[in-house]
Amino acid sequence: MTYYMSKRKHKLFYTSALQFIAYTAVEEIDESEKLQMLTEMAMACLFSKEIYNFSELLEQPMLLTLKDSKNAWIYHLLEIFNQGNIVEFEKFINQPQAQNAQITENKKTLEQKIRLMAFLELAFNLPKNDRVVPFDVLGRKCGIPV
């Protein structure tokens, strides 16, 4: 897990870290180590071009440690992506906590992922017998020009 984190192999780190927290008692992990690991997991989930299942991480009880920390902003960002909420993403990206090197470096990936998540939210919330979506609705929901 640590090796993959140091090599920025986001997906491999993320899957290893998920296994680690699944088989390790919460009490066995130091609080600062737990906070760092959860922050890195959240960033790996967001920055990976292969991970789109945000709810898998959000469902982890240990993740509440992140929600109640100085890094609560990244928990909030995970929720935004899980909901595919373009409006909230655009508000977030202009806030001071979004002005860090990793967010800036991965901004294009984040923008692509939020648009895909918005599309998925739209598709899954349509009635089963009415899944034809006009381009203007799709563009508006995904934050892209028609």
Protein backbone atom coordinates (compact mmCIF):
# COMPACT_ATOMS: atom_id res chain seq x y z
CA MET A 1 0.00 0.00 0.00
CA THR A 2 2.74 2.44 0.97
CA TYR A 3 4.79 1.48 -2.07
CA TYR A 4 1.89 2.18 -4.45
CA MET A 5 1.23 5.48 -2.70
CA SER A 6 4.84 6.59 -3.16
CA LYS A 7 4.71 5.65 -6.87
CA ARG A 8 1.35 7.45 -7.34
CA LYS A 9 -0.27 4.28 -8.63
CA HIS A 10 -3.67 5.48 -7.51
CA LYS A 11 -5.78 2.42 -8.28
CA LEU A 12 -3.32 -0.10 -6.80
CA PHE A 13 -2.86 2.04 -3.70
CA TYR A 14 -6.61 2.49 -3.31
CA THR A 15 -7.44 -1.22 -3.60
CA SER A 16 -4.61 -2.15 -1.23
CA ALA A 17 -5.71 0.47 1.28
CA LEU A 18 -9.33 -0.75 1.11
CA GLN A 19 -8.11 -4.25 1.94
CA PHE A 20 -5.96 -2.90 4.74
CA ILE A 21 -8.85 -1.11 6.45
CA ALA A 22 -11.15 -4.09 5.89
CA TYR A 23 -8.82 -6.40 7.82
CA THR A 24 -7.33 -4.04 10.39
CA ALA A 25 -9.06 -3.00 13.59
CA VAL A 26 -9.56 0.77 13.79
CA GLU A 27 -7.92 0.83 17.23
CA GLU A 28 -4.70 -0.59 15.77
CA ILE A 29 -4.11 2.44 13.55
CA ASP A 30 -2.59 5.61 14.96
CA GLU A 31 -4.89 8.65 14.52
CA SER A 32 -2.42 10.68 12.47
CA GLU A 33 -1.60 7.65 10.30
CA LYS A 34 -5.31 6.99 9.83
CA LEU A 35 -5.98 10.58 8.79
CA GLN A 36 -3.10 10.58 6.31
CA MET A 37 -4.14 7.21 4.85
CA LEU A 38 -7.79 8.27 4.46
CA THR A 39 -6.76 11.55 2.85
CA GLU A 40 -4.50 9.69 0.41
CA MET A 41 -7.28 7.17 -0.32
CA ALA A 42 -9.73 9.97 -1.07
CA MET A 43 -7.23 11.67 -3.37
CA ALA A 44 -6.42 8.38 -5.11
CA CYS A 45 -10.12 7.77 -5.64
CA LEU A 46 -10.56 11.26 -7.09
CA PHE A 47 -7.40 11.41 -9.21
CA SER A 48 -7.42 7.89 -10.64
CA LYS A 49 -8.67 7.60 -14.19
CA GLU A 50 -9.93 4.11 -13.35
CA ILE A 51 -11.94 4.60 -10.13
CA TYR A 52 -15.50 5.86 -10.36
CA ASN A 53 -17.09 4.18 -7.35
CA PHE A 54 -16.99 6.89 -4.69
CA SER A 55 -19.66 5.29 -2.54
CA GLU A 56 -17.35 2.34 -1.82
CA LEU A 57 -15.06 4.67 0.10
CA LEU A 58 -17.84 6.83 1.54
CA GLU A 59 -19.44 3.71 3.06
CA GLN A 60 -16.34 2.96 5.12
CA PRO A 61 -17.09 3.83 8.77
CA MET A 62 -13.46 4.85 9.28
CA LEU A 63 -13.89 7.63 6.70
CA LEU A 64 -15.85 9.65 9.28
CA THR A 65 -12.43 10.40 10.79
CA LEU A 66 -11.75 12.44 7.66
CA LYS A 67 -15.12 14.20 7.84
CA ASP A 68 -14.34 15.56 11.30
CA SER A 69 -10.77 16.66 10.57
CA LYS A 70 -8.86 19.55 9.06
CA ASN A 71 -9.20 17.64 5.76
CA ALA A 72 -13.00 17.63 5.84
CA TRP A 73 -12.95 19.41 2.50
CA ILE A 74 -11.85 16.24 0.73
CA TYR A 75 -14.71 14.28 2.31
CA HIS A 76 -17.04 16.95 0.98
CA LEU A 77 -15.44 16.66 -2.45
CA LEU A 78 -16.02 12.89 -2.45
CA GLU A 79 -19.69 13.52 -1.69
CA ILE A 80 -19.90 16.02 -4.57
CA PHE A 81 -18.46 13.43 -6.96
CA ASN A 82 -20.67 10.67 -5.62
CA GLN A 83 -23.70 12.86 -6.39
CA GLY A 84 -22.33 14.01 -9.77
CA ASN A 85 -23.05 17.58 -8.71
CA ILE A 86 -21.44 19.94 -11.26
CA VAL A 87 -22.73 23.10 -9.55
CA GLU A 88 -21.19 22.17 -6.20
CA PHE A 89 -17.96 21.09 -7.91
CA GLU A 90 -17.62 24.47 -9.63
CA LYS A 91 -18.22 26.25 -6.30
CA PHE A 92 -15.66 24.02 -4.62
CA ILE A 93 -12.95 24.42 -7.26
CA ASN A 94 -12.92 28.20 -6.67
CA GLN A 95 -12.51 27.93 -2.89
CA PRO A 96 -9.13 28.34 -1.14
CA GLN A 97 -8.83 24.65 -0.11
CA ALA A 98 -8.98 23.68 -3.79
CA GLN A 99 -5.90 25.76 -4.49
CA ASN A 100 -3.31 23.10 -3.76
CA ALA A 101 -0.79 21.44 -6.04
CA GLN A 102 -2.52 18.07 -6.32
CA ILE A 103 -5.93 19.55 -7.16
CA THR A 104 -4.35 21.91 -9.71
CA GLU A 105 -2.26 19.10 -11.23
CA ASN A 106 -5.34 16.85 -11.59
CA LYS A 107 -7.93 19.50 -12.43
CA LYS A 108 -8.57 18.19 -15.95
CA THR A 109 -9.13 14.64 -14.67
CA LEU A 110 -11.46 15.96 -11.97
CA GLU A 111 -13.47 17.96 -14.51
CA GLN A 112 -13.82 14.93 -16.78
CA LYS A 113 -14.83 12.68 -13.90
CA ILE A 114 -17.45 15.05 -12.50
CA ARG A 115 -19.03 15.33 -15.94
CA LEU A 116 -19.14 11.55 -16.29
CA MET A 117 -20.63 11.24 -12.81
CA ALA A 118 -23.26 13.86 -13.68
CA PHE A 119 -24.13 11.87 -16.80
CA LEU A 120 -24.45 8.65 -14.78
CA GLU A 121 -26.66 10.37 -12.22
CA LEU A 122 -28.87 11.66 -15.03
CA ALA A 123 -29.10 8.23 -16.69
CA PHE A 124 -29.88 6.37 -13.47
CA ASN A 125 -32.53 8.86 -12.38
CA LEU A 126 -34.52 8.72 -15.62
CA PRO A 127 -37.63 6.53 -15.75
CA LYS A 128 -36.90 3.13 -17.32
CA ASN A 129 -39.36 3.72 -20.13
CA ASP A 130 -38.07 7.24 -20.95
CA ARG A 131 -34.33 7.26 -21.40
CA VAL A 132 -34.06 9.50 -24.42
CA VAL A 133 -32.25 12.66 -23.34
CA PRO A 134 -32.10 15.78 -25.53
CA PHE A 135 -28.61 17.21 -26.01
CA ASP A 136 -29.54 20.48 -24.29
CA VAL A 137 -30.57 18.60 -21.12
CA LEU A 138 -27.43 16.49 -21.27
CA GLY A 139 -25.24 19.57 -21.78
CA ARG A 140 -26.89 21.46 -18.95
CA LYS A 141 -26.63 18.52 -16.52
CA CYS A 142 -23.02 17.77 -17.41
CA GLY A 143 -21.86 21.37 -17.62
CA ILE A 144 -20.77 21.25 -21.25
CA PRO A 145 -21.89 23.30 -24.24
CA VAL A 146 -24.23 21.56 -26.68
